[in-house]
Amino acid sequence: MMRVSIRDDLAKSRAVRLKEPLPIEWRKRLVNTCLQAAAIAIIQHYTHARTAAHNQVHAHPRPSL
């Protein structure tokens, strides 16, 4: 059995996608998922940056041994 190239698979799936567009419900869900993922990434980045700055301000001097 011959393996079809990835490009052919993509072309086929793209053709299928064009023929029958996603139901509106699915599209909404997909957009919401993307927005949520983006929001989480932004929040995580922001809180990490804040924590890093906070830790720098409150850096504890290491005891000299």
PDB file of N, CA and C in Angstrom:
ATOM      1  N   MET A   1       0.851  -1.207   0.000  1.00  0.00           N
ATOM      2  CA  MET A   1       0.000   0.000   0.000  1.00  0.00           C
ATOM      3  C   MET A   1       0.880   1.248   0.000  1.00  0.00           C
ATOM      4  N   MET A   2       0.666   2.118  -0.980  1.00  0.00           N
ATOM      5  CA  MET A   2       1.508   3.317  -1.090  1.00  0.00           C
ATOM      6  C   MET A   2       1.050   4.393  -0.113  1.00  0.00           C
ATOM      7  N   ARG A   3       2.043   5.024   0.495  1.00  0.00           N
ATOM      8  CA  ARG A   3       1.730   6.119   1.425  1.00  0.00           C
ATOM      9  C   ARG A   3       1.540   7.395   0.611  1.00  0.00           C
ATOM     10  N   VAL A   4       0.433   8.073   0.840  1.00  0.00           N
ATOM     11  CA  VAL A   4       0.173   9.324   0.125  1.00  0.00           C
ATOM     12  C   VAL A   4       0.991  10.417   0.794  1.00  0.00           C
ATOM     13  N   SER A   5       1.517  11.332  -0.012  1.00  0.00           N
ATOM     14  CA  SER A   5       2.355  12.393   0.559  1.00  0.00           C
ATOM     15  C   SER A   5       1.512  13.316   1.435  1.00  0.00           C
ATOM     16  N   ILE A   6       2.178  13.953   2.370  1.00  0.00           N
ATOM     17  CA  ILE A   6       1.492  14.843   3.305  1.00  0.00           C
ATOM     18  C   ILE A   6       0.804  15.971   2.538  1.00  0.00           C
ATOM     19  N   ARG A   7       1.486  16.468   1.502  1.00  0.00           N
ATOM     20  CA  ARG A   7       0.924  17.582   0.728  1.00  0.00           C
ATOM     21  C   ARG A   7      -0.414  17.171   0.110  1.00  0.00           C
ATOM     22  N   ASP A   8      -0.489  15.932  -0.398  1.00  0.00           N
ATOM     23  CA  ASP A   8      -1.743  15.449  -0.983  1.00  0.00           C
ATOM     24  C   ASP A   8      -2.829  15.375   0.085  1.00  0.00           C
ATOM     25  N   ASP A   9      -2.458  14.875   1.272  1.00  0.00           N
ATOM     26  CA  ASP A   9      -3.417  14.801   2.375  1.00  0.00           C
ATOM     27  C   ASP A   9      -3.948  16.187   2.706  1.00  0.00           C
ATOM     28  N   LEU A  10      -3.025  17.157   2.787  1.00  0.00           N
ATOM     29  CA  LEU A  10      -3.427  18.529   3.094  1.00  0.00           C
ATOM     30  C   LEU A  10      -4.373  19.063   2.027  1.00  0.00           C
ATOM     31  N   ALA A  11      -4.025  18.831   0.776  1.00  0.00           N
ATOM     32  CA  ALA A  11      -4.863  19.311  -0.328  1.00  0.00           C
ATOM     33  C   ALA A  11      -6.260  18.707  -0.224  1.00  0.00           C
ATOM     34  N   LYS A  12      -6.313  17.402   0.078  1.00  0.00           N
ATOM     35  CA  LYS A  12      -7.604  16.724   0.202  1.00  0.00           C
ATOM     36  C   LYS A  12      -8.413  17.309   1.354  1.00  0.00           C
ATOM     37  N   SER A  13      -7.777  17.440   2.521  1.00  0.00           N
ATOM     38  CA  SER A  13      -8.509  17.943   3.686  1.00  0.00           C
ATOM     39  C   SER A  13      -8.961  19.376   3.447  1.00  0.00           C
ATOM     40  N   ARG A  14      -8.124  20.151   2.723  1.00  0.00           N
ATOM     41  CA  ARG A  14      -8.496  21.534   2.422  1.00  0.00           C
ATOM     42  C   ARG A  14      -9.723  21.546   1.511  1.00  0.00           C
ATOM     43  N   ALA A  15      -9.727  20.646   0.526  1.00  0.00           N
ATOM     44  CA  ALA A  15     -10.860  20.561  -0.399  1.00  0.00           C
ATOM     45  C   ALA A  15     -12.124  20.189   0.367  1.00  0.00           C
ATOM     46  N   VAL A  16     -11.993  19.217   1.269  1.00  0.00           N
ATOM     47  CA  VAL A  16     -13.141  18.796   2.081  1.00  0.00           C
ATOM     48  C   VAL A  16     -13.627  19.973   2.914  1.00  0.00           C
ATOM     49  N   ARG A  17     -12.666  20.689   3.499  1.00  0.00           N
ATOM     50  CA  ARG A  17     -13.017  21.811   4.356  1.00  0.00           C
ATOM     51  C   ARG A  17     -13.781  22.881   3.566  1.00  0.00           C
ATOM     52  N   LEU A  18     -13.344  23.115   2.325  1.00  0.00           N
ATOM     53  CA  LEU A  18     -14.005  24.134   1.510  1.00  0.00           C
ATOM     54  C   LEU A  18     -15.409  23.676   1.119  1.00  0.00           C
ATOM     55  N   LYS A  19     -15.554  22.381   0.824  1.00  0.00           N
ATOM     56  CA  LYS A  19     -16.856  21.862   0.401  1.00  0.00           C
ATOM     57  C   LYS A  19     -17.893  21.977   1.513  1.00  0.00           C
ATOM     58  N   GLU A  20     -17.512  21.567   2.720  1.00  0.00           N
ATOM     59  CA  GLU A  20     -18.474  21.611   3.825  1.00  0.00           C
ATOM     60  C   GLU A  20     -17.879  22.414   4.983  1.00  0.00           C
ATOM     61  N   PRO A  21     -18.247  23.687   5.095  1.00  0.00           N
ATOM     62  CA  PRO A  21     -17.713  24.512   6.177  1.00  0.00           C
ATOM     63  C   PRO A  21     -18.170  24.009   7.545  1.00  0.00           C
ATOM     64  N   LEU A  22     -17.411  24.342   8.554  1.00  0.00           N
ATOM     65  CA  LEU A  22     -17.737  23.894   9.907  1.00  0.00           C
ATOM     66  C   LEU A  22     -19.068  24.481  10.360  1.00  0.00           C
ATOM     67  N   PRO A  23     -19.830  23.724  11.133  1.00  0.00           N
ATOM     68  CA  PRO A  23     -21.038  24.293  11.729  1.00  0.00           C
ATOM     69  C   PRO A  23     -20.664  25.492  12.602  1.00  0.00           C
ATOM     70  N   ILE A  24     -21.565  26.452  12.703  1.00  0.00           N
ATOM     71  CA  ILE A  24     -21.278  27.692  13.443  1.00  0.00           C
ATOM     72  C   ILE A  24     -20.899  27.373  14.892  1.00  0.00           C
ATOM     73  N   GLU A  25     -21.586  26.394  15.497  1.00  0.00           N
ATOM     74  CA  GLU A  25     -21.282  26.031  16.893  1.00  0.00           C
ATOM     75  C   GLU A  25     -19.813  25.640  17.040  1.00  0.00           C
ATOM     76  N   TRP A  26     -19.339  24.793  16.134  1.00  0.00           N
ATOM     77  CA  TRP A  26     -17.944  24.338  16.196  1.00  0.00           C
ATOM     78  C   TRP A  26     -17.000  25.505  16.039  1.00  0.00           C
ATOM     79  N   ARG A  27     -17.360  26.398  15.071  1.00  0.00           N
ATOM     80  CA  ARG A  27     -16.491  27.542  14.808  1.00  0.00           C
ATOM     81  C   ARG A  27     -16.389  28.415  16.056  1.00  0.00           C
ATOM     82  N   LYS A  28     -17.540  28.651  16.711  1.00  0.00           N
ATOM     83  CA  LYS A  28     -17.549  29.455  17.946  1.00  0.00           C
ATOM     84  C   LYS A  28     -16.665  28.794  18.996  1.00  0.00           C
ATOM     85  N   ARG A  29     -16.839  27.478  19.151  1.00  0.00           N
ATOM     86  CA  ARG A  29     -16.070  26.753  20.168  1.00  0.00           C
ATOM     87  C   ARG A  29     -14.575  26.854  19.883  1.00  0.00           C
ATOM     88  N   LEU A  30     -14.219  26.720  18.603  1.00  0.00           N
ATOM     89  CA  LEU A  30     -12.814  26.783  18.197  1.00  0.00           C
ATOM     90  C   LEU A  30     -12.235  28.157  18.519  1.00  0.00           C
ATOM     91  N   VAL A  31     -12.980  29.216  18.180  1.00  0.00           N
ATOM     92  CA  VAL A  31     -12.525  30.586  18.449  1.00  0.00           C
ATOM     93  C   VAL A  31     -12.371  30.790  19.951  1.00  0.00           C
ATOM     94  N   ASN A  32     -13.355  30.329  20.724  1.00  0.00           N
ATOM     95  CA  ASN A  32     -13.288  30.476  22.182  1.00  0.00           C
ATOM     96  C   ASN A  32     -12.070  29.766  22.743  1.00  0.00           C
ATOM     97  N   THR A  33     -11.807  28.552  22.254  1.00  0.00           N
ATOM     98  CA  THR A  33     -10.647  27.793  22.721  1.00  0.00           C
ATOM     99  C   THR A  33      -9.364  28.558  22.438  1.00  0.00           C
ATOM    100  N   CYS A  34      -9.264  29.109  21.223  1.00  0.00           N
ATOM    101  CA  CYS A  34      -8.062  29.872  20.853  1.00  0.00           C
ATOM    102  C   CYS A  34      -7.917  31.099  21.741  1.00  0.00           C
ATOM    103  N   LEU A  35      -9.016  31.808  21.967  1.00  0.00           N
ATOM    104  CA  LEU A  35      -8.977  33.015  22.801  1.00  0.00           C
ATOM    105  C   LEU A  35      -8.564  32.656  24.224  1.00  0.00           C
ATOM    106  N   GLN A  36      -9.126  31.576  24.757  1.00  0.00           N
ATOM    107  CA  GLN A  36      -8.777  31.147  26.113  1.00  0.00           C
ATOM    108  C   GLN A  36      -7.296  30.818  26.206  1.00  0.00           C
ATOM    109  N   ALA A  37      -6.797  30.068  25.227  1.00  0.00           N
ATOM    110  CA  ALA A  37      -5.384  29.687  25.233  1.00  0.00           C
ATOM    111  C   ALA A  37      -4.505  30.930  25.198  1.00  0.00           C
ATOM    112  N   ALA A  38      -4.870  31.897  24.356  1.00  0.00           N
ATOM    113  CA  ALA A  38      -4.092  33.135  24.257  1.00  0.00           C
ATOM    114  C   ALA A  38      -4.135  33.892  25.584  1.00  0.00           C
ATOM    115  N   ALA A  39      -5.320  33.990  26.173  1.00  0.00           N
ATOM    116  CA  ALA A  39      -5.472  34.708  27.438  1.00  0.00           C
ATOM    117  C   ALA A  39      -4.622  34.057  28.524  1.00  0.00           C
ATOM    118  N   ILE A  40      -4.661  32.734  28.608  1.00  0.00           N
ATOM    119  CA  ILE A  40      -3.875  32.020  29.622  1.00  0.00           C
ATOM    120  C   ILE A  40      -2.392  32.286  29.414  1.00  0.00           C
ATOM    121  N   ALA A  41      -1.941  32.224  28.158  1.00  0.00           N
ATOM    122  CA  ALA A  41      -0.523  32.455  27.863  1.00  0.00           C
ATOM    123  C   ALA A  41      -0.110  33.861  28.282  1.00  0.00           C
ATOM    124  N   ILE A  42      -0.953  34.854  27.970  1.00  0.00           N
ATOM    125  CA  ILE A  42      -0.633  36.249  28.321  1.00  0.00           C
ATOM    126  C   ILE A  42      -0.574  36.404  29.836  1.00  0.00           C
ATOM    127  N   ILE A  43      -1.577  35.860  30.526  1.00  0.00           N
ATOM    128  CA  ILE A  43      -1.624  35.990  31.991  1.00  0.00           C
ATOM    129  C   ILE A  43      -0.404  35.323  32.613  1.00  0.00           C
ATOM    130  N   GLN A  44      -0.074  34.119  32.149  1.00  0.00           N
ATOM    131  CA  GLN A  44       1.086  33.409  32.698  1.00  0.00           C
ATOM    132  C   GLN A  44       2.354  34.214  32.474  1.00  0.00           C
ATOM    133  N   HIS A  45       2.504  34.772  31.280  1.00  0.00           N
ATOM    134  CA  HIS A  45       3.702  35.556  30.978  1.00  0.00           C
ATOM    135  C   HIS A  45       3.773  36.767  31.896  1.00  0.00           C
ATOM    136  N   TYR A  46       2.635  37.452  32.050  1.00  0.00           N
ATOM    137  CA  TYR A  46       2.597  38.674  32.854  1.00  0.00           C
ATOM    138  C   TYR A  46       2.908  38.360  34.314  1.00  0.00           C
ATOM    139  N   THR A  47       2.266  37.325  34.860  1.00  0.00           N
ATOM    140  CA  THR A  47       2.495  36.997  36.268  1.00  0.00           C
ATOM    141  C   THR A  47       3.929  36.532  36.469  1.00  0.00           C
ATOM    142  N   HIS A  48       4.493  35.827  35.489  1.00  0.00           N
ATOM    143  CA  HIS A  48       5.881  35.381  35.626  1.00  0.00           C
ATOM    144  C   HIS A  48       6.809  36.592  35.656  1.00  0.00           C
ATOM    145  N   ALA A  49       6.565  37.550  34.747  1.00  0.00           N
ATOM    146  CA  ALA A  49       7.403  38.754  34.698  1.00  0.00           C
ATOM    147  C   ALA A  49       7.293  39.511  36.023  1.00  0.00           C
ATOM    148  N   ARG A  50       6.064  39.599  36.548  1.00  0.00           N
ATOM    149  CA  ARG A  50       5.854  40.315  37.812  1.00  0.00           C
ATOM    150  C   ARG A  50       6.581  39.612  38.947  1.00  0.00           C
ATOM    151  N   THR A  51       6.462  38.280  38.984  1.00  0.00           N
ATOM    152  CA  THR A  51       7.111  37.503  40.040  1.00  0.00           C
ATOM    153  C   THR A  51       8.620  37.678  39.973  1.00  0.00           C
ATOM    154  N   ALA A  52       9.171  37.644  38.760  1.00  0.00           N
ATOM    155  CA  ALA A  52      10.617  37.796  38.599  1.00  0.00           C
ATOM    156  C   ALA A  52      11.061  39.161  39.118  1.00  0.00           C
ATOM    157  N   ALA A  53      10.312  40.212  38.769  1.00  0.00           N
ATOM    158  CA  ALA A  53      10.646  41.565  39.230  1.00  0.00           C
ATOM    159  C   ALA A  53      10.526  41.635  40.752  1.00  0.00           C
ATOM    160  N   HIS A  54       9.478  41.044  41.282  1.00  0.00           N
ATOM    161  CA  HIS A  54       9.228  41.050  42.723  1.00  0.00           C
ATOM    162  C   HIS A  54      10.374  40.352  43.463  1.00  0.00           C
ATOM    163  N   ASN A  55      10.796  39.211  42.936  1.00  0.00           N
ATOM    164  CA  ASN A  55      11.879  38.460  43.575  1.00  0.00           C
ATOM    165  C   ASN A  55      13.185  39.239  43.536  1.00  0.00           C
ATOM    166  N   GLN A  56      13.392  40.014  42.476  1.00  0.00           N
ATOM    167  CA  GLN A  56      14.613  40.815  42.388  1.00  0.00           C
ATOM    168  C   GLN A  56      14.612  41.890  43.471  1.00  0.00           C
ATOM    169  N   VAL A  57      13.460  42.524  43.668  1.00  0.00           N
ATOM    170  CA  VAL A  57      13.341  43.589  44.674  1.00  0.00           C
ATOM    171  C   VAL A  57      13.602  43.007  46.057  1.00  0.00           C
ATOM    172  N   HIS A  58      13.066  41.821  46.306  1.00  0.00           N
ATOM    173  CA  HIS A  58      13.181  41.222  47.634  1.00  0.00           C
ATOM    174  C   HIS A  58      14.248  40.140  47.679  1.00  0.00           C
ATOM    175  N   ALA A  59      15.320  40.322  46.913  1.00  0.00           N
ATOM    176  CA  ALA A  59      16.378  39.315  46.884  1.00  0.00           C
ATOM    177  C   ALA A  59      17.026  39.232  48.261  1.00  0.00           C
ATOM    178  N   HIS A  60      17.163  38.021  48.764  1.00  0.00           N
ATOM    179  CA  HIS A  60      17.780  37.840  50.081  1.00  0.00           C
ATOM    180  C   HIS A  60      19.281  37.688  49.904  1.00  0.00           C
ATOM    181  N   PRO A  61      20.070  38.510  50.552  1.00  0.00           N
ATOM    182  CA  PRO A  61      21.523  38.343  50.436  1.00  0.00           C
ATOM    183  C   PRO A  61      21.928  36.983  50.996  1.00  0.00           C
ATOM    184  N   ARG A  62      22.780  36.270  50.296  1.00  0.00           N
ATOM    185  CA  ARG A  62      23.185  34.934  50.746  1.00  0.00           C
ATOM    186  C   ARG A  62      24.154  35.087  51.911  1.00  0.00           C
ATOM    187  N   PRO A  63      23.936  34.334  52.949  1.00  0.00           N
ATOM    188  CA  PRO A  63      24.848  34.436  54.101  1.00  0.00           C
ATOM    189  C   PRO A  63      26.256  33.994  53.709  1.00  0.00           C
ATOM    190  N   SER A  64      27.241  34.789  54.070  1.00  0.00           N
ATOM    191  CA  SER A  64      28.628  34.437  53.741  1.00  0.00           C
ATOM    192  C   SER A  64      29.105  33.375  54.715  1.00  0.00           C
ATOM    193  N   LEU A  65      29.672  32.324  54.185  1.00  0.00           N
ATOM    194  CA  LEU A  65      30.125  31.226  55.060  1.00  0.00           C
ATOM    195  C   LEU A  65      31.632  31.290  55.260  1.00  0.00           C
TER     196      LEU A  65
END
